Amino acid sequence: MNLPDKFEALIITLSDRAHRGEYKDLSGPKIKERLSEYFESQNWSININLAMIPDDSVILDELLKSAGGIYDIIITTGGTGIGPRDITVETVKPLLSKEIPGIMEFIRVKYGSGNPNALLSRGIAGITGKSLIYTLPGSVKAVDEYMTEILKTLKHTIFMQYGIDMHSKNQ
């Protein structure tokens, strides 16, 4: 199997207040910036779309189900905490055909050792349809931390996703 000529990515910000226009979303654009820089460094082409939705499981579920056949990578930001409106994890988890728990567990432990509140994030990662999906917290600082670690493994993850054996090729 070959990699796509152009990857497709979707970044979904979940925030009632940002959706209402009470403040500007900074997390979604930060993910876009980090992902764009990474793909450029790999000489890979990527098209990144941004979506802003309220903390609503029905809207998120419908968006993910319609996006699963289109996007290679889906990253959400927001809704991974323990608040009453934090619904991202519960909505995404049933859609995963394969969960990738190690990356999120590592991030929680690494950043939680300096900031115990980071241990309260319930973010998950996995595969849904043909899409890699990562659920990140809503703060810009957390997004930056999560993306730093995710990007370290992203090339290998993408190769695995497309059934390319990096061990038998000099990639």
N, C-alpha and C. Protein backbone atom coordinates (compact mmCIF):
# COMPACT_ATOMS: atom_id res chain seq x y z
N MET A 1 0.85 -1.18 0.00
CA MET A 1 0.00 0.00 0.00
C MET A 1 0.89 1.24 0.00
N ASN A 2 0.45 2.27 -0.68
CA ASN A 2 1.21 3.51 -0.76
C ASN A 2 0.56 4.61 0.07
N LEU A 3 1.37 5.59 0.41
CA LEU A 3 0.84 6.77 1.11
C LEU A 3 0.08 7.64 0.11
N PRO A 4 -0.89 8.41 0.61
CA PRO A 4 -1.62 9.30 -0.30
C PRO A 4 -0.69 10.38 -0.87
N ASP A 5 -1.01 10.86 -2.07
CA ASP A 5 -0.26 11.99 -2.63
C ASP A 5 -0.47 13.23 -1.78
N LYS A 6 -1.68 13.37 -1.26
CA LYS A 6 -2.00 14.49 -0.39
C LYS A 6 -2.85 13.96 0.77
N PHE A 7 -2.38 14.18 1.97
CA PHE A 7 -3.13 13.78 3.16
C PHE A 7 -4.24 14.78 3.41
N GLU A 8 -5.30 14.26 4.01
CA GLU A 8 -6.43 15.11 4.41
C GLU A 8 -6.54 15.05 5.93
N ALA A 9 -6.65 16.22 6.56
CA ALA A 9 -6.77 16.28 8.02
C ALA A 9 -7.95 17.16 8.40
N LEU A 10 -8.56 16.80 9.52
CA LEU A 10 -9.66 17.58 10.08
C LEU A 10 -9.34 17.86 11.53
N ILE A 11 -9.42 19.12 11.91
CA ILE A 11 -9.23 19.53 13.30
C ILE A 11 -10.58 20.05 13.79
N ILE A 12 -11.06 19.44 14.86
CA ILE A 12 -12.38 19.80 15.40
C ILE A 12 -12.18 20.41 16.78
N THR A 13 -12.61 21.66 16.93
CA THR A 13 -12.61 22.30 18.25
C THR A 13 -14.00 22.15 18.84
N LEU A 14 -14.04 21.60 20.07
CA LEU A 14 -15.30 21.49 20.80
C LEU A 14 -15.28 22.52 21.92
N SER A 15 -16.16 23.50 21.82
CA SER A 15 -16.25 24.54 22.86
C SER A 15 -17.56 25.28 22.71
N ASP A 16 -18.38 25.22 23.75
CA ASP A 16 -19.63 25.97 23.72
C ASP A 16 -19.36 27.45 23.58
N ARG A 17 -18.43 27.97 24.38
CA ARG A 17 -18.16 29.42 24.40
C ARG A 17 -17.51 29.90 23.11
N ALA A 18 -16.54 29.19 22.59
CA ALA A 18 -15.92 29.62 21.33
C ALA A 18 -16.92 29.51 20.19
N HIS A 19 -17.76 28.48 20.22
CA HIS A 19 -18.78 28.31 19.19
C HIS A 19 -19.76 29.48 19.21
N ARG A 20 -20.06 30.01 20.40
CA ARG A 20 -20.96 31.16 20.53
C ARG A 20 -20.24 32.47 20.22
N GLY A 21 -18.93 32.43 20.02
CA GLY A 21 -18.17 33.65 19.71
C GLY A 21 -17.73 34.43 20.93
N GLU A 22 -17.80 33.83 22.12
CA GLU A 22 -17.40 34.52 23.34
C GLU A 22 -15.88 34.69 23.44
N TYR A 23 -15.14 33.81 22.79
CA TYR A 23 -13.69 33.98 22.67
C TYR A 23 -13.21 33.26 21.43
N LYS A 24 -12.01 33.63 21.01
CA LYS A 24 -11.44 33.07 19.79
C LYS A 24 -10.75 31.75 20.10
N ASP A 25 -11.00 30.77 19.25
CA ASP A 25 -10.33 29.48 19.39
C ASP A 25 -8.86 29.63 19.03
N LEU A 26 -7.97 29.25 19.93
CA LEU A 26 -6.54 29.27 19.68
C LEU A 26 -5.97 27.86 19.56
N SER A 27 -6.66 26.88 20.13
CA SER A 27 -6.16 25.50 20.13
C SER A 27 -6.20 24.86 18.75
N GLY A 28 -7.30 25.00 18.04
CA GLY A 28 -7.42 24.44 16.70
C GLY A 28 -6.34 25.00 15.77
N PRO A 29 -6.19 26.33 15.71
CA PRO A 29 -5.12 26.90 14.88
C PRO A 29 -3.72 26.46 15.30
N LYS A 30 -3.49 26.23 16.60
CA LYS A 30 -2.18 25.76 17.06
C LYS A 30 -1.92 24.35 16.53
N ILE A 31 -2.93 23.48 16.57
CA ILE A 31 -2.78 22.13 16.01
C ILE A 31 -2.47 22.23 14.52
N LYS A 32 -3.20 23.08 13.81
CA LYS A 32 -2.98 23.24 12.38
C LYS A 32 -1.55 23.68 12.10
N GLU A 33 -1.07 24.64 12.87
CA GLU A 33 0.30 25.13 12.70
C GLU A 33 1.32 24.01 12.90
N ARG A 34 1.18 23.26 13.99
CA ARG A 34 2.13 22.19 14.30
C ARG A 34 2.07 21.07 13.25
N LEU A 35 0.86 20.70 12.82
CA LEU A 35 0.69 19.64 11.83
C LEU A 35 1.25 20.08 10.48
N SER A 36 0.99 21.31 10.09
CA SER A 36 1.51 21.85 8.82
C SER A 36 3.03 21.84 8.81
N GLU A 37 3.63 22.30 9.89
CA GLU A 37 5.09 22.32 9.98
C GLU A 37 5.66 20.90 9.88
N TYR A 38 5.02 19.96 10.56
CA TYR A 38 5.50 18.58 10.53
C TYR A 38 5.44 18.00 9.12
N PHE A 39 4.29 18.15 8.47
CA PHE A 39 4.14 17.58 7.14
C PHE A 39 5.11 18.23 6.15
N GLU A 40 5.34 19.53 6.30
CA GLU A 40 6.31 20.21 5.45
C GLU A 40 7.72 19.63 5.69
N SER A 41 8.06 19.35 6.93
CA SER A 41 9.38 18.79 7.25
C SER A 41 9.56 17.39 6.66
N GLN A 42 8.46 16.68 6.42
CA GLN A 42 8.51 15.34 5.84
C GLN A 42 8.40 15.37 4.31
N ASN A 43 8.22 16.57 3.76
CA ASN A 43 7.96 16.75 2.32
C ASN A 43 6.70 16.00 1.89
N TRP A 44 5.71 16.00 2.76
CA TRP A 44 4.40 15.43 2.48
C TRP A 44 3.40 16.58 2.31
N SER A 45 2.44 16.38 1.45
CA SER A 45 1.42 17.38 1.21
C SER A 45 0.20 17.08 2.09
N ILE A 46 -0.37 18.14 2.66
CA ILE A 46 -1.55 17.95 3.52
C ILE A 46 -2.52 19.10 3.32
N ASN A 47 -3.79 18.76 3.34
CA ASN A 47 -4.87 19.73 3.33
C ASN A 47 -5.55 19.64 4.69
N ILE A 48 -5.62 20.76 5.41
CA ILE A 48 -6.17 20.74 6.77
C ILE A 48 -7.42 21.59 6.83
N ASN A 49 -8.51 20.98 7.30
CA ASN A 49 -9.77 21.69 7.51
C ASN A 49 -10.02 21.87 8.99
N LEU A 50 -10.61 22.99 9.34
CA LEU A 50 -10.96 23.29 10.74
C LEU A 50 -12.47 23.30 10.89
N ALA A 51 -12.95 22.75 12.00
CA ALA A 51 -14.38 22.79 12.32
C ALA A 51 -14.53 23.25 13.77
N MET A 52 -15.54 24.03 14.03
CA MET A 52 -15.83 24.50 15.38
C MET A 52 -17.25 24.06 15.71
N ILE A 53 -17.39 23.29 16.79
CA ILE A 53 -18.72 22.83 17.18
C ILE A 53 -18.89 23.02 18.69
N PRO A 54 -20.14 23.06 19.16
CA PRO A 54 -20.35 23.11 20.61
C PRO A 54 -20.04 21.75 21.23
N ASP A 55 -20.00 21.70 22.53
CA ASP A 55 -19.79 20.43 23.25
C ASP A 55 -21.08 19.62 23.16
N ASP A 56 -21.27 18.96 22.04
CA ASP A 56 -22.51 18.24 21.76
C ASP A 56 -22.16 16.89 21.14
N SER A 57 -22.50 15.81 21.83
CA SER A 57 -22.11 14.48 21.37
C SER A 57 -22.79 14.08 20.06
N VAL A 58 -24.01 14.52 19.83
CA VAL A 58 -24.72 14.17 18.60
C VAL A 58 -24.03 14.83 17.40
N ILE A 59 -23.69 16.10 17.54
CA ILE A 59 -23.01 16.81 16.45
C ILE A 59 -21.64 16.19 16.19
N LEU A 60 -20.89 15.91 17.25
CA LEU A 60 -19.56 15.31 17.10
C LEU A 60 -19.66 13.93 16.45
N ASP A 61 -20.58 13.11 16.91
CA ASP A 61 -20.76 11.77 16.36
C ASP A 61 -21.07 11.83 14.87
N GLU A 62 -22.00 12.70 14.48
CA GLU A 62 -22.37 12.83 13.07
C GLU A 62 -21.19 13.32 12.23
N LEU A 63 -20.45 14.28 12.76
CA LEU A 63 -19.29 14.82 12.04
C LEU A 63 -18.22 13.74 11.85
N LEU A 64 -17.95 12.98 12.90
CA LEU A 64 -16.94 11.93 12.81
C LEU A 64 -17.36 10.81 11.87
N LYS A 65 -18.61 10.43 11.91
CA LYS A 65 -19.09 9.36 11.03
C LYS A 65 -19.03 9.79 9.57
N SER A 66 -19.31 11.06 9.29
CA SER A 66 -19.26 11.53 7.91
C SER A 66 -17.82 11.78 7.46
N ALA A 67 -16.92 12.03 8.40
CA ALA A 67 -15.52 12.36 8.07
C ALA A 67 -14.63 11.13 7.95
N GLY A 68 -15.05 10.00 8.52
CA GLY A 68 -14.22 8.81 8.60
C GLY A 68 -13.68 8.30 7.29
N GLY A 69 -14.40 8.45 6.22
CA GLY A 69 -13.93 7.97 4.92
C GLY A 69 -13.15 9.01 4.14
N ILE A 70 -13.09 10.22 4.66
CA ILE A 70 -12.47 11.33 3.93
C ILE A 70 -11.09 11.67 4.47
N TYR A 71 -10.94 11.67 5.78
CA TYR A 71 -9.74 12.20 6.41
C TYR A 71 -8.78 11.11 6.87
N ASP A 72 -7.50 11.37 6.67
CA ASP A 72 -6.44 10.47 7.13
C ASP A 72 -6.17 10.69 8.61
N ILE A 73 -6.30 11.94 9.05
CA ILE A 73 -6.04 12.31 10.44
C ILE A 73 -7.16 13.23 10.92
N ILE A 74 -7.68 12.91 12.09
CA ILE A 74 -8.67 13.77 12.75
C ILE A 74 -8.13 14.06 14.15
N ILE A 75 -8.07 15.34 14.49
CA ILE A 75 -7.62 15.72 15.83
C ILE A 75 -8.69 16.62 16.43
N THR A 76 -9.16 16.25 17.61
CA THR A 76 -10.11 17.10 18.31
C THR A 76 -9.37 17.85 19.41
N THR A 77 -9.91 18.99 19.80
CA THR A 77 -9.38 19.73 20.93
C THR A 77 -10.56 20.20 21.77
N GLY A 78 -10.49 19.89 23.06
CA GLY A 78 -11.57 20.24 23.97
C GLY A 78 -12.42 19.03 24.33
N GLY A 79 -13.02 19.09 25.52
CA GLY A 79 -13.96 18.06 25.93
C GLY A 79 -13.35 16.78 26.47
N THR A 80 -12.06 16.82 26.88
CA THR A 80 -11.42 15.60 27.39
C THR A 80 -11.30 15.59 28.91
N GLY A 81 -11.83 16.60 29.56
CA GLY A 81 -11.74 16.67 31.02
C GLY A 81 -12.85 15.88 31.70
N ILE A 82 -13.15 16.28 32.93
CA ILE A 82 -14.16 15.56 33.70
C ILE A 82 -15.42 16.40 33.98
N GLY A 83 -15.52 17.54 33.31
CA GLY A 83 -16.68 18.40 33.50
C GLY A 83 -17.94 17.81 32.89
N PRO A 84 -19.09 18.34 33.29
CA PRO A 84 -20.36 17.79 32.79
C PRO A 84 -20.54 17.93 31.27
N ARG A 85 -19.89 18.90 30.64
CA ARG A 85 -20.01 19.09 29.18
C ARG A 85 -18.85 18.44 28.41
N ASP A 86 -17.93 17.76 29.09
CA ASP A 86 -16.80 17.10 28.45
C ASP A 86 -17.24 15.74 27.91
N ILE A 87 -17.58 15.70 26.61
CA ILE A 87 -18.20 14.51 25.99
C ILE A 87 -17.35 13.89 24.88
N THR A 88 -16.18 14.45 24.64
CA THR A 88 -15.40 14.00 23.48
C THR A 88 -15.01 12.53 23.59
N VAL A 89 -14.46 12.14 24.71
CA VAL A 89 -13.96 10.77 24.85
C VAL A 89 -15.10 9.75 24.73
N GLU A 90 -16.21 10.01 25.39
CA GLU A 90 -17.35 9.08 25.33
C GLU A 90 -17.93 8.98 23.93
N THR A 91 -17.82 10.05 23.15
CA THR A 91 -18.35 10.05 21.79
C THR A 91 -17.41 9.34 20.82
N VAL A 92 -16.10 9.57 20.98
CA VAL A 92 -15.11 9.01 20.06
C VAL A 92 -14.85 7.53 20.31
N LYS A 93 -14.74 7.14 21.57
CA LYS A 93 -14.31 5.78 21.91
C LYS A 93 -15.13 4.68 21.22
N PRO A 94 -16.46 4.74 21.18
CA PRO A 94 -17.22 3.68 20.52
C PRO A 94 -16.98 3.59 19.01
N LEU A 95 -16.42 4.65 18.41
CA LEU A 95 -16.17 4.66 16.97
C LEU A 95 -14.83 4.05 16.60
N LEU A 96 -13.97 3.80 17.60
CA LEU A 96 -12.63 3.29 17.33
C LEU A 96 -12.65 1.80 17.03
N SER A 97 -11.99 1.42 15.94
CA SER A 97 -11.80 0.00 15.66
C SER A 97 -10.53 -0.50 16.35
N LYS A 98 -9.58 0.40 16.56
CA LYS A 98 -8.35 0.09 17.28
C LYS A 98 -7.99 1.28 18.13
N GLU A 99 -7.74 1.04 19.41
CA GLU A 99 -7.30 2.11 20.30
C GLU A 99 -5.78 2.06 20.40
N ILE A 100 -5.17 3.24 20.54
CA ILE A 100 -3.72 3.37 20.70
C ILE A 100 -3.49 4.05 22.05
N PRO A 101 -3.57 3.28 23.15
CA PRO A 101 -3.53 3.91 24.48
C PRO A 101 -2.16 4.45 24.90
N GLY A 102 -1.08 3.87 24.41
CA GLY A 102 0.25 4.22 24.89
C GLY A 102 0.62 5.68 24.76
N ILE A 103 0.30 6.30 23.63
CA ILE A 103 0.72 7.68 23.40
C ILE A 103 0.07 8.63 24.40
N MET A 104 -1.23 8.45 24.65
CA MET A 104 -1.91 9.34 25.58
C MET A 104 -1.50 9.06 27.02
N GLU A 105 -1.29 7.78 27.35
CA GLU A 105 -0.82 7.45 28.70
C GLU A 105 0.54 8.08 28.95
N PHE A 106 1.43 7.99 27.98
CA PHE A 106 2.77 8.57 28.10
C PHE A 106 2.69 10.09 28.31
N ILE A 107 1.87 10.75 27.52
CA ILE A 107 1.74 12.21 27.62
C ILE A 107 1.22 12.60 29.00
N ARG A 108 0.20 11.88 29.49
CA ARG A 108 -0.34 12.19 30.82
C ARG A 108 0.73 12.04 31.90
N VAL A 109 1.49 10.95 31.83
CA VAL A 109 2.52 10.71 32.85
C VAL A 109 3.64 11.75 32.73
N LYS A 110 4.10 11.99 31.50
CA LYS A 110 5.22 12.93 31.31
C LYS A 110 4.86 14.33 31.82
N TYR A 111 3.74 14.86 31.39
CA TYR A 111 3.38 16.23 31.76
C TYR A 111 2.70 16.29 33.11
N GLY A 112 2.09 15.18 33.53
CA GLY A 112 1.46 15.12 34.85
C GLY A 112 2.46 15.12 35.99
N SER A 113 3.71 14.69 35.71
CA SER A 113 4.72 14.69 36.77
C SER A 113 5.08 16.12 37.18
N GLY A 114 4.94 17.07 36.26
CA GLY A 114 5.20 18.47 36.59
C GLY A 114 3.94 19.25 36.91
N ASN A 115 2.83 18.81 36.37
CA ASN A 115 1.55 19.47 36.58
C ASN A 115 0.49 18.40 36.82
N PRO A 116 0.24 18.05 38.08
CA PRO A 116 -0.70 16.96 38.37
C PRO A 116 -2.09 17.12 37.73
N ASN A 117 -2.51 18.35 37.45
CA ASN A 117 -3.80 18.54 36.80
C ASN A 117 -3.84 17.91 35.40
N ALA A 118 -2.68 17.75 34.77
CA ALA A 118 -2.63 17.12 33.45
C ALA A 118 -3.08 15.66 33.51
N LEU A 119 -3.01 15.07 34.68
CA LEU A 119 -3.45 13.68 34.84
C LEU A 119 -4.96 13.53 34.74
N LEU A 120 -5.68 14.64 34.78
CA LEU A 120 -7.14 14.60 34.70
C LEU A 120 -7.66 14.54 33.26
N SER A 121 -6.77 14.73 32.29
CA SER A 121 -7.19 14.62 30.89
C SER A 121 -7.47 13.15 30.57
N ARG A 122 -8.54 12.92 29.83
CA ARG A 122 -8.92 11.56 29.48
C ARG A 122 -8.75 11.29 27.99
N GLY A 123 -7.92 12.08 27.32
CA GLY A 123 -7.73 11.96 25.89
C GLY A 123 -7.40 10.54 25.45
N ILE A 124 -7.87 10.19 24.26
CA ILE A 124 -7.63 8.87 23.68
C ILE A 124 -7.12 9.03 22.24
N ALA A 125 -6.58 7.95 21.71
CA ALA A 125 -6.12 7.94 20.32
C ALA A 125 -6.48 6.58 19.74
N GLY A 126 -6.65 6.55 18.41
CA GLY A 126 -6.95 5.28 17.77
C GLY A 126 -7.25 5.44 16.29
N ILE A 127 -7.87 4.41 15.75
CA ILE A 127 -8.26 4.38 14.34
C ILE A 127 -9.78 4.28 14.27
N THR A 128 -10.37 5.10 13.44
CA THR A 128 -11.79 5.00 13.13
C THR A 128 -11.91 5.06 11.61
N GLY A 129 -12.47 4.03 11.02
CA GLY A 129 -12.50 3.95 9.56
C GLY A 129 -11.08 3.91 9.04
N LYS A 130 -10.74 4.83 8.15
CA LYS A 130 -9.37 4.92 7.65
C LYS A 130 -8.60 6.05 8.34
N SER A 131 -9.21 6.63 9.38
CA SER A 131 -8.64 7.82 10.01
C SER A 131 -7.94 7.53 11.33
N LEU A 132 -6.76 8.14 11.49
CA LEU A 132 -6.15 8.23 12.82
C LEU A 132 -6.90 9.31 13.55
N ILE A 133 -7.17 9.10 14.82
CA ILE A 133 -7.85 10.14 15.58
C ILE A 133 -7.18 10.32 16.93
N TYR A 134 -7.00 11.58 17.29
CA TYR A 134 -6.42 11.96 18.57
C TYR A 134 -7.36 12.97 19.21
N THR A 135 -7.62 12.80 20.52
CA THR A 135 -8.46 13.76 21.24
C THR A 135 -7.59 14.50 22.25
N LEU A 136 -7.42 15.79 22.04
CA LEU A 136 -6.55 16.62 22.87
C LEU A 136 -7.36 17.54 23.76
N PRO A 137 -6.76 17.95 24.88
CA PRO A 137 -7.42 18.96 25.72
C PRO A 137 -7.60 20.27 24.95
N GLY A 138 -8.30 21.21 25.59
CA GLY A 138 -8.62 22.46 24.92
C GLY A 138 -7.66 23.61 25.13
N SER A 139 -6.69 23.47 26.00
CA SER A 139 -5.78 24.60 26.23
C SER A 139 -4.63 24.58 25.23
N VAL A 140 -4.17 25.77 24.86
CA VAL A 140 -3.08 25.89 23.90
C VAL A 140 -1.81 25.24 24.44
N LYS A 141 -1.54 25.42 25.73
CA LYS A 141 -0.34 24.82 26.33
C LYS A 141 -0.41 23.30 26.23
N ALA A 142 -1.55 22.72 26.58
CA ALA A 142 -1.71 21.27 26.50
C ALA A 142 -1.62 20.79 25.06
N VAL A 143 -2.22 21.51 24.13
CA VAL A 143 -2.15 21.14 22.71
C VAL A 143 -0.70 21.09 22.26
N ASP A 144 0.08 22.08 22.66
CA ASP A 144 1.49 22.13 22.27
C ASP A 144 2.24 20.93 22.84
N GLU A 145 1.97 20.60 24.10
CA GLU A 145 2.62 19.44 24.72
C GLU A 145 2.22 18.14 24.02
N TYR A 146 0.94 17.97 23.81
CA TYR A 146 0.45 16.74 23.16
C TYR A 146 1.01 16.62 21.74
N MET A 147 0.99 17.70 20.99
CA MET A 147 1.48 17.64 19.61
C MET A 147 2.98 17.33 19.58
N THR A 148 3.73 17.84 20.54
CA THR A 148 5.17 17.55 20.59
C THR A 148 5.39 16.04 20.64
N GLU A 149 4.63 15.34 21.46
CA GLU A 149 4.81 13.89 21.61
C GLU A 149 4.18 13.12 20.45
N ILE A 150 3.01 13.54 20.01
CA ILE A 150 2.34 12.86 18.90
C ILE A 150 3.19 12.92 17.64
N LEU A 151 3.77 14.07 17.37
CA LEU A 151 4.56 14.23 16.15
C LEU A 151 5.82 13.36 16.15
N LYS A 152 6.33 13.02 17.32
CA LYS A 152 7.50 12.13 17.40
C LYS A 152 7.20 10.74 16.86
N THR A 153 5.95 10.34 16.95
CA THR A 153 5.56 8.99 16.51
C THR A 153 4.71 8.99 15.24
N LEU A 154 4.39 10.16 14.72
CA LEU A 154 3.40 10.23 13.65
C LEU A 154 3.84 9.53 12.36
N LYS A 155 5.07 9.67 11.95
CA LYS A 155 5.52 9.03 10.71
C LYS A 155 5.35 7.51 10.80
N HIS A 156 5.82 6.94 11.90
CA HIS A 156 5.71 5.50 12.09
C HIS A 156 4.24 5.08 12.17
N THR A 157 3.44 5.88 12.86
CA THR A 157 2.01 5.58 12.98
C THR A 157 1.33 5.59 11.62
N ILE A 158 1.64 6.58 10.80
CA ILE A 158 1.04 6.67 9.46
C ILE A 158 1.48 5.48 8.61
N PHE A 159 2.77 5.12 8.68
CA PHE A 159 3.23 3.98 7.91
C PHE A 159 2.50 2.71 8.34
N MET A 160 2.32 2.53 9.64
CA MET A 160 1.59 1.36 10.14
C MET A 160 0.14 1.41 9.67
N GLN A 161 -0.47 2.59 9.72
CA GLN A 161 -1.86 2.77 9.30
C GLN A 161 -2.05 2.33 7.84
N TYR A 162 -1.05 2.59 7.01
CA TYR A 162 -1.14 2.24 5.59
C TYR A 162 -0.50 0.90 5.27
N GLY A 163 -0.14 0.13 6.29
CA GLY A 163 0.39 -1.21 6.08
C GLY A 163 1.78 -1.23 5.49
N ILE A 164 2.55 -0.17 5.70
CA ILE A 164 3.92 -0.10 5.18
C ILE A 164 4.86 -0.53 6.29
N ASP A 165 5.63 -1.57 6.03
CA ASP A 165 6.56 -2.12 7.03
C ASP A 165 7.85 -1.33 7.00
N MET A 166 8.03 -0.46 7.98
CA MET A 166 9.25 0.36 8.05
C MET A 166 10.48 -0.47 8.41
N HIS A 167 10.27 -1.65 8.95
CA HIS A 167 11.39 -2.48 9.37
C HIS A 167 12.09 -3.16 8.19
N SER A 168 11.34 -3.34 7.10
CA SER A 168 11.94 -4.02 5.94
C SER A 168 12.37 -3.04 4.86
N LYS A 169 12.07 -1.76 5.07
CA LYS A 169 12.45 -0.73 4.09
C LYS A 169 13.36 0.27 4.77
N ASN A 170 14.24 0.83 4.03
CA ASN A 170 15.10 1.88 4.57
C ASN A 170 14.40 3.22 4.41
N GLN A 171 13.45 3.46 5.28
CA GLN A 171 12.64 4.69 5.21
C GLN A 171 13.28 5.77 6.04
